[in-house]
Amino acid sequence: HVSKSFVRGTFLAISPNISEDNIVYVATNAGTLYKSVDQGETFSILTELKKRITSLIISPNFASDKTLYTTTFEGIYKSEDQGISLATHHSRRIFSRFSMVGSSNFS
């Protein structure tokens, strides 16, 4: 079941390898990260940050590095296990939104 916050302030990240892994992520500005393993047919809660998520980015090398980033007003969170755990990657407030254009090194 997806909460009402799913509709407003929603960020979508689709695996670059979706044809094989079927993974889609959705993050809400309410701080909840959802994961689908059936190309978005159903979602389950992966984690709740309890902080307003301002963006969600999936690594272009997701098939091999399993890396996701989320940003909040407090900093950047990184997951290297398909979103199961999120660790603070950068804790200073340097910006509130960013987006990926093309391939970059996210290390």
Protein backbone atom coordinates (compact mmCIF):
# COMPACT_ATOMS: atom_id res chain seq x y z
CA HIS A 1 0.00 0.00 0.00
CA VAL A 2 1.34 3.42 -0.97
CA SER A 3 0.53 6.43 1.18
CA LYS A 4 -1.14 9.63 -0.03
CA SER A 5 2.24 11.39 0.08
CA PHE A 6 3.14 9.21 -2.91
CA VAL A 7 1.22 11.55 -5.22
CA ARG A 8 2.83 14.86 -4.30
CA GLY A 9 6.59 15.41 -4.12
CA THR A 10 7.44 12.11 -5.76
CA PHE A 11 10.77 11.22 -7.32
CA LEU A 12 11.21 8.28 -9.68
CA ALA A 13 14.37 6.33 -10.52
CA ILE A 14 14.32 3.49 -13.02
CA SER A 15 17.10 0.95 -13.17
CA PRO A 16 19.23 1.33 -16.31
CA ASN A 17 18.93 -2.46 -16.49
CA ILE A 18 15.13 -2.59 -16.04
CA SER A 19 14.63 -5.12 -18.82
CA GLU A 20 16.55 -7.63 -16.70
CA ASP A 21 16.13 -6.59 -13.06
CA ASN A 22 12.63 -4.96 -13.24
CA ILE A 23 13.60 -2.44 -10.53
CA VAL A 24 11.90 0.93 -10.06
CA TYR A 25 12.32 3.24 -7.06
CA VAL A 26 10.04 5.99 -5.83
CA ALA A 27 10.90 8.44 -3.06
CA THR A 28 8.47 10.88 -1.49
CA ASN A 29 9.09 14.23 0.09
CA ALA A 30 7.64 12.65 3.25
CA GLY A 31 10.89 10.65 3.47
CA THR A 32 9.78 7.21 2.33
CA LEU A 33 11.71 5.17 -0.23
CA TYR A 34 9.72 2.52 -2.13
CA LYS A 35 11.01 -0.25 -4.37
CA SER A 36 9.30 -2.25 -7.09
CA VAL A 37 10.74 -5.45 -8.51
CA ASP A 38 7.99 -5.85 -11.13
CA GLN A 39 8.53 -2.71 -13.26
CA GLY A 40 6.28 -0.56 -11.07
CA GLU A 41 3.22 -2.79 -10.80
CA THR A 42 3.57 -2.98 -7.00
CA PHE A 43 5.77 -1.18 -4.48
CA SER A 44 6.95 -1.97 -0.98
CA ILE A 45 8.48 0.36 1.57
CA LEU A 46 12.24 0.00 1.60
CA THR A 47 13.11 2.60 4.21
CA GLU A 48 11.78 5.69 5.90
CA LEU A 49 14.30 8.48 6.37
CA LYS A 50 11.87 10.68 8.30
CA LYS A 51 13.44 13.60 6.43
CA ARG A 52 12.10 15.35 3.38
CA ILE A 53 13.62 13.73 0.29
CA THR A 54 14.38 16.31 -2.40
CA SER A 55 15.74 14.03 -5.13
CA LEU A 56 16.50 10.43 -6.01
CA ILE A 57 19.29 9.32 -8.33
CA ILE A 58 20.26 5.86 -9.52
CA SER A 59 23.78 5.10 -10.68
CA PRO A 60 24.23 4.55 -14.42
CA ASN A 61 26.24 1.46 -13.35
CA PHE A 62 23.46 0.19 -11.07
CA ALA A 63 23.63 -3.35 -12.44
CA SER A 64 27.13 -3.74 -11.02
CA ASP A 65 27.41 -1.17 -8.19
CA LYS A 66 23.79 -1.25 -6.81
CA THR A 67 24.16 2.44 -5.89
CA LEU A 68 21.38 4.94 -5.20
CA TYR A 69 21.54 8.49 -3.87
CA THR A 70 18.86 10.53 -2.16
CA THR A 71 19.15 14.12 -1.10
CA THR A 72 17.47 15.89 1.77
CA PHE A 73 17.82 19.42 3.07
CA GLU A 74 20.30 18.01 5.58
CA GLY A 75 22.60 16.28 3.08
CA ILE A 76 23.16 13.40 0.70
CA TYR A 77 22.49 9.74 1.50
CA LYS A 78 24.08 6.87 -0.38
CA SER A 79 23.11 3.22 -0.66
CA GLU A 80 25.34 0.56 -2.15
CA ASP A 81 22.89 -2.30 -1.58
CA GLN A 82 19.92 -1.35 -3.79
CA GLY A 83 18.46 1.00 -1.18
CA ILE A 84 18.26 -1.46 1.70
CA SER A 85 20.43 0.80 3.82
CA LEU A 86 21.17 4.50 3.41
CA ALA A 87 24.24 6.11 4.94
CA THR A 88 25.11 9.78 5.17
CA HIS A 89 27.37 10.54 2.23
CA HIS A 90 27.61 14.30 2.72
CA SER A 91 26.09 16.00 5.73
CA ARG A 92 26.47 19.70 4.95
CA ARG A 93 23.62 21.44 3.27
CA ILE A 94 25.20 22.36 -0.03
CA PHE A 95 22.08 22.33 -2.18
CA SER A 96 18.52 21.13 -2.06
CA ARG A 97 18.15 19.64 -5.54
CA PHE A 98 20.37 18.17 -8.20
CA SER A 99 19.89 15.98 -11.19
CA MET A 100 22.07 13.70 -13.22
CA VAL A 101 22.77 14.50 -16.84
CA GLY A 102 24.69 11.83 -18.69
CA SER A 103 27.11 9.51 -16.96
CA SER A 104 29.21 10.67 -14.02
CA ASN A 105 31.44 9.14 -11.43
CA PHE A 106 29.38 9.15 -8.22
CA SER A 107 32.13 7.85 -5.93
